[in-house]
Amino acid sequence: PEPWPTFTGQTPMTRADLEREVARARKRGWATNRDEWIPGLTVVAAPVLLRERLLGCVVVAAPSSRVDAAHLAALSTRIVQAAADIAGRLEPERN
């Protein structure tokens, strides 16, 4: 296999690391990337799902220095709700 691409020292270094992070994101309903792609950038995302089909994501990116644990918790809650609201609006009415 080709070498795993790394962007920063925070990038998951192995397939197992990445698989653990994906499993964690699926379980909680949102994902985060803190300094893994660009140093100093935190990204929080939640999927917009319609009947288990991925239609898109709601994403917020902010300077890592402004996203502490409490802010991350609040952001993730709001992003998950926004994604659910969007999915609800896309759901055709059932008769």
N, C-alpha and C. Protein backbone atom coordinates (compact mmCIF):
# COMPACT_ATOMS: atom_id res chain seq x y z
N PRO A 1 0.83 -1.20 0.00
CA PRO A 1 0.00 0.00 0.00
C PRO A 1 0.87 1.26 0.00
N GLU A 2 0.28 2.33 -0.53
CA GLU A 2 0.98 3.62 -0.56
C GLU A 2 1.09 4.17 0.85
N PRO A 3 2.09 5.03 1.09
CA PRO A 3 2.20 5.65 2.42
C PRO A 3 0.96 6.48 2.74
N TRP A 4 0.62 6.49 4.01
CA TRP A 4 -0.54 7.24 4.48
C TRP A 4 -0.22 8.73 4.41
N PRO A 5 -1.07 9.56 3.78
CA PRO A 5 -0.77 11.00 3.72
C PRO A 5 -0.93 11.65 5.10
N THR A 6 0.01 12.46 5.48
CA THR A 6 -0.09 13.20 6.72
C THR A 6 0.05 14.68 6.42
N PHE A 7 -0.72 15.48 7.14
CA PHE A 7 -0.70 16.92 6.94
C PHE A 7 -0.07 17.62 8.14
N THR A 8 -0.36 17.10 9.34
CA THR A 8 0.19 17.65 10.57
C THR A 8 0.52 16.50 11.51
N GLY A 9 1.08 16.81 12.65
CA GLY A 9 1.34 15.79 13.66
C GLY A 9 0.08 15.22 14.28
N GLN A 10 -1.07 15.83 14.01
CA GLN A 10 -2.35 15.36 14.56
C GLN A 10 -3.11 14.46 13.59
N THR A 11 -2.63 14.33 12.37
CA THR A 11 -3.28 13.47 11.37
C THR A 11 -3.25 12.02 11.85
N PRO A 12 -4.38 11.29 11.77
CA PRO A 12 -4.35 9.86 12.11
C PRO A 12 -3.25 9.18 11.30
N MET A 13 -2.42 8.40 11.98
CA MET A 13 -1.23 7.86 11.34
C MET A 13 -1.41 6.48 10.72
N THR A 14 -2.45 5.75 11.13
CA THR A 14 -2.64 4.41 10.60
C THR A 14 -4.09 4.21 10.19
N ARG A 15 -4.30 3.17 9.42
CA ARG A 15 -5.67 2.82 9.02
C ARG A 15 -6.51 2.54 10.26
N ALA A 16 -5.93 1.85 11.24
CA ALA A 16 -6.67 1.53 12.48
C ALA A 16 -7.07 2.80 13.21
N ASP A 17 -6.17 3.80 13.26
CA ASP A 17 -6.51 5.08 13.89
C ASP A 17 -7.69 5.73 13.19
N LEU A 18 -7.65 5.73 11.87
CA LEU A 18 -8.73 6.34 11.09
C LEU A 18 -10.04 5.57 11.27
N GLU A 19 -9.98 4.25 11.26
CA GLU A 19 -11.19 3.45 11.44
C GLU A 19 -11.81 3.69 12.82
N ARG A 20 -10.98 3.84 13.85
CA ARG A 20 -11.50 4.16 15.19
C ARG A 20 -12.21 5.50 15.19
N GLU A 21 -11.61 6.48 14.53
CA GLU A 21 -12.21 7.81 14.49
C GLU A 21 -13.52 7.81 13.70
N VAL A 22 -13.59 7.07 12.61
CA VAL A 22 -14.83 6.97 11.83
C VAL A 22 -15.91 6.29 12.66
N ALA A 23 -15.57 5.21 13.36
CA ALA A 23 -16.54 4.52 14.21
C ALA A 23 -17.05 5.44 15.31
N ARG A 24 -16.16 6.20 15.89
CA ARG A 24 -16.55 7.16 16.95
C ARG A 24 -17.50 8.22 16.39
N ALA A 25 -17.19 8.74 15.21
CA ALA A 25 -18.04 9.76 14.59
C ALA A 25 -19.42 9.19 14.26
N ARG A 26 -19.47 7.98 13.74
CA ARG A 26 -20.77 7.36 13.44
C ARG A 26 -21.60 7.18 14.69
N LYS A 27 -20.96 6.76 15.77
CA LYS A 27 -21.68 6.51 17.02
C LYS A 27 -22.28 7.79 17.60
N ARG A 28 -21.52 8.87 17.58
CA ARG A 28 -22.01 10.11 18.19
C ARG A 28 -22.78 10.99 17.22
N GLY A 29 -22.67 10.72 15.90
CA GLY A 29 -23.45 11.48 14.92
C GLY A 29 -22.75 12.71 14.38
N TRP A 30 -21.50 12.92 14.72
CA TRP A 30 -20.75 14.06 14.21
C TRP A 30 -19.26 13.75 14.28
N ALA A 31 -18.51 14.50 13.49
CA ALA A 31 -17.06 14.29 13.43
C ALA A 31 -16.34 15.61 13.69
N THR A 32 -15.12 15.49 14.15
CA THR A 32 -14.30 16.67 14.35
C THR A 32 -12.90 16.43 13.80
N ASN A 33 -12.30 17.50 13.39
CA ASN A 33 -10.93 17.48 12.88
C ASN A 33 -10.25 18.67 13.57
N ARG A 34 -9.43 18.37 14.55
CA ARG A 34 -8.75 19.43 15.29
C ARG A 34 -7.26 19.39 14.95
N ASP A 35 -6.85 20.34 14.13
CA ASP A 35 -5.45 20.48 13.74
C ASP A 35 -4.92 19.28 12.95
N GLU A 36 -5.81 18.46 12.40
CA GLU A 36 -5.37 17.27 11.65
C GLU A 36 -5.04 17.59 10.20
N TRP A 37 -5.62 18.63 9.67
CA TRP A 37 -5.41 18.99 8.27
C TRP A 37 -4.57 20.26 8.18
N ILE A 38 -5.00 21.28 8.94
CA ILE A 38 -4.29 22.55 8.97
C ILE A 38 -4.07 22.91 10.44
N PRO A 39 -2.84 23.17 10.83
CA PRO A 39 -2.58 23.58 12.22
C PRO A 39 -3.40 24.83 12.56
N GLY A 40 -4.04 24.78 13.73
CA GLY A 40 -4.82 25.93 14.17
C GLY A 40 -6.26 25.96 13.68
N LEU A 41 -6.70 24.93 12.97
CA LEU A 41 -8.07 24.89 12.45
C LEU A 41 -8.82 23.70 13.03
N THR A 42 -9.99 23.97 13.58
CA THR A 42 -10.89 22.92 14.05
C THR A 42 -12.13 22.93 13.17
N VAL A 43 -12.54 21.75 12.73
CA VAL A 43 -13.72 21.59 11.89
C VAL A 43 -14.65 20.59 12.58
N VAL A 44 -15.94 20.93 12.64
CA VAL A 44 -16.95 20.05 13.21
C VAL A 44 -18.00 19.84 12.12
N ALA A 45 -18.42 18.58 11.90
CA ALA A 45 -19.35 18.29 10.82
C ALA A 45 -20.36 17.22 11.23
N ALA A 46 -21.57 17.34 10.67
CA ALA A 46 -22.61 16.34 10.88
C ALA A 46 -23.24 16.04 9.52
N PRO A 47 -23.57 14.77 9.28
CA PRO A 47 -24.14 14.39 7.99
C PRO A 47 -25.62 14.76 7.88
N VAL A 48 -26.02 15.13 6.68
CA VAL A 48 -27.44 15.29 6.36
C VAL A 48 -27.83 13.98 5.69
N LEU A 49 -28.64 13.19 6.40
CA LEU A 49 -29.02 11.86 5.93
C LEU A 49 -30.51 11.81 5.63
N LEU A 50 -30.85 11.21 4.53
CA LEU A 50 -32.25 10.99 4.18
C LEU A 50 -32.39 9.51 3.86
N ARG A 51 -33.11 8.80 4.72
CA ARG A 51 -33.26 7.35 4.59
C ARG A 51 -31.89 6.67 4.48
N GLU A 52 -31.00 7.06 5.36
CA GLU A 52 -29.64 6.52 5.47
C GLU A 52 -28.75 6.84 4.27
N ARG A 53 -29.19 7.75 3.42
CA ARG A 53 -28.39 8.17 2.27
C ARG A 53 -27.77 9.53 2.58
N LEU A 54 -26.47 9.65 2.39
CA LEU A 54 -25.77 10.89 2.65
C LEU A 54 -26.05 11.88 1.53
N LEU A 55 -26.64 13.03 1.92
CA LEU A 55 -26.94 14.07 0.94
C LEU A 55 -25.95 15.22 1.02
N GLY A 56 -25.32 15.38 2.16
CA GLY A 56 -24.38 16.47 2.36
C GLY A 56 -23.98 16.54 3.82
N CYS A 57 -23.35 17.62 4.19
CA CYS A 57 -22.92 17.81 5.58
C CYS A 57 -23.12 19.25 5.99
N VAL A 58 -23.34 19.45 7.27
CA VAL A 58 -23.30 20.77 7.87
C VAL A 58 -21.94 20.87 8.55
N VAL A 59 -21.20 21.91 8.23
CA VAL A 59 -19.82 22.03 8.69
C VAL A 59 -19.57 23.43 9.25
N VAL A 60 -18.84 23.48 10.35
CA VAL A 60 -18.35 24.74 10.90
C VAL A 60 -16.85 24.60 11.08
N ALA A 61 -16.12 25.60 10.61
CA ALA A 61 -14.67 25.64 10.79
C ALA A 61 -14.34 26.90 11.58
N ALA A 62 -13.43 26.75 12.54
CA ALA A 62 -13.07 27.88 13.39
C ALA A 62 -11.62 27.73 13.85
N PRO A 63 -11.01 28.83 14.27
CA PRO A 63 -9.67 28.72 14.83
C PRO A 63 -9.69 27.81 16.06
N SER A 64 -8.75 26.90 16.14
CA SER A 64 -8.70 25.96 17.27
C SER A 64 -8.62 26.69 18.61
N SER A 65 -7.99 27.83 18.63
CA SER A 65 -7.86 28.59 19.88
C SER A 65 -9.21 29.07 20.41
N ARG A 66 -10.23 29.06 19.57
CA ARG A 66 -11.56 29.53 19.99
C ARG A 66 -12.52 28.38 20.27
N VAL A 67 -12.06 27.13 20.13
CA VAL A 67 -12.95 25.97 20.29
C VAL A 67 -12.44 25.11 21.45
N ASP A 68 -12.88 25.45 22.67
CA ASP A 68 -12.54 24.62 23.82
C ASP A 68 -13.58 23.50 23.94
N ALA A 69 -13.45 22.66 24.96
CA ALA A 69 -14.34 21.50 25.09
C ALA A 69 -15.81 21.91 25.19
N ALA A 70 -16.11 22.96 25.95
CA ALA A 70 -17.50 23.40 26.10
C ALA A 70 -18.05 23.92 24.77
N HIS A 71 -17.23 24.67 24.06
CA HIS A 71 -17.67 25.21 22.77
C HIS A 71 -17.86 24.08 21.76
N LEU A 72 -16.98 23.09 21.80
CA LEU A 72 -17.11 21.94 20.90
C LEU A 72 -18.41 21.18 21.17
N ALA A 73 -18.75 21.00 22.43
CA ALA A 73 -20.00 20.32 22.78
C ALA A 73 -21.21 21.09 22.27
N ALA A 74 -21.20 22.41 22.45
CA ALA A 74 -22.31 23.23 21.98
C ALA A 74 -22.39 23.22 20.45
N LEU A 75 -21.25 23.37 19.80
CA LEU A 75 -21.23 23.34 18.34
C LEU A 75 -21.76 22.03 17.80
N SER A 76 -21.30 20.93 18.34
CA SER A 76 -21.72 19.62 17.83
C SER A 76 -23.22 19.43 17.98
N THR A 77 -23.77 19.85 19.11
CA THR A 77 -25.22 19.74 19.32
C THR A 77 -25.99 20.55 18.28
N ARG A 78 -25.55 21.77 18.05
CA ARG A 78 -26.25 22.64 17.09
C ARG A 78 -26.10 22.14 15.65
N ILE A 79 -24.93 21.62 15.33
CA ILE A 79 -24.70 21.13 13.97
C ILE A 79 -25.52 19.88 13.69
N VAL A 80 -25.58 18.97 14.65
CA VAL A 80 -26.40 17.76 14.50
C VAL A 80 -27.86 18.15 14.32
N GLN A 81 -28.34 19.12 15.09
CA GLN A 81 -29.73 19.56 14.98
C GLN A 81 -29.98 20.22 13.62
N ALA A 82 -29.05 21.04 13.17
CA ALA A 82 -29.20 21.68 11.86
C ALA A 82 -29.26 20.63 10.75
N ALA A 83 -28.41 19.63 10.82
CA ALA A 83 -28.42 18.56 9.81
C ALA A 83 -29.76 17.82 9.82
N ALA A 84 -30.28 17.54 11.02
CA ALA A 84 -31.57 16.86 11.14
C ALA A 84 -32.70 17.74 10.59
N ASP A 85 -32.64 19.04 10.87
CA ASP A 85 -33.66 19.97 10.36
C ASP A 85 -33.65 20.00 8.83
N ILE A 86 -32.47 20.03 8.24
CA ILE A 86 -32.35 20.04 6.78
C ILE A 86 -32.93 18.74 6.21
N ALA A 87 -32.55 17.63 6.79
CA ALA A 87 -33.07 16.33 6.32
C ALA A 87 -34.59 16.30 6.43
N GLY A 88 -35.13 16.83 7.53
CA GLY A 88 -36.58 16.87 7.70
C GLY A 88 -37.28 17.69 6.64
N ARG A 89 -36.66 18.77 6.22
CA ARG A 89 -37.25 19.60 5.17
C ARG A 89 -37.18 18.94 3.80
N LEU A 90 -36.23 18.05 3.64
CA LEU A 90 -36.07 17.36 2.35
C LEU A 90 -36.95 16.12 2.24
N GLU A 91 -37.44 15.64 3.37
CA GLU A 91 -38.27 14.44 3.41
C GLU A 91 -39.62 14.76 2.76
N PRO A 92 -39.98 14.03 1.71
CA PRO A 92 -41.30 14.28 1.10
C PRO A 92 -42.40 13.91 2.09
N GLU A 93 -43.48 14.67 2.03
CA GLU A 93 -44.60 14.37 2.92
C GLU A 93 -45.18 13.01 2.60
N ARG A 94 -45.50 12.30 3.67
CA ARG A 94 -46.10 10.98 3.48
C ARG A 94 -47.60 11.08 3.71
N ASN A 95 -48.35 10.46 2.80
CA ASN A 95 -49.82 10.48 2.91
C ASN A 95 -50.34 9.19 3.46
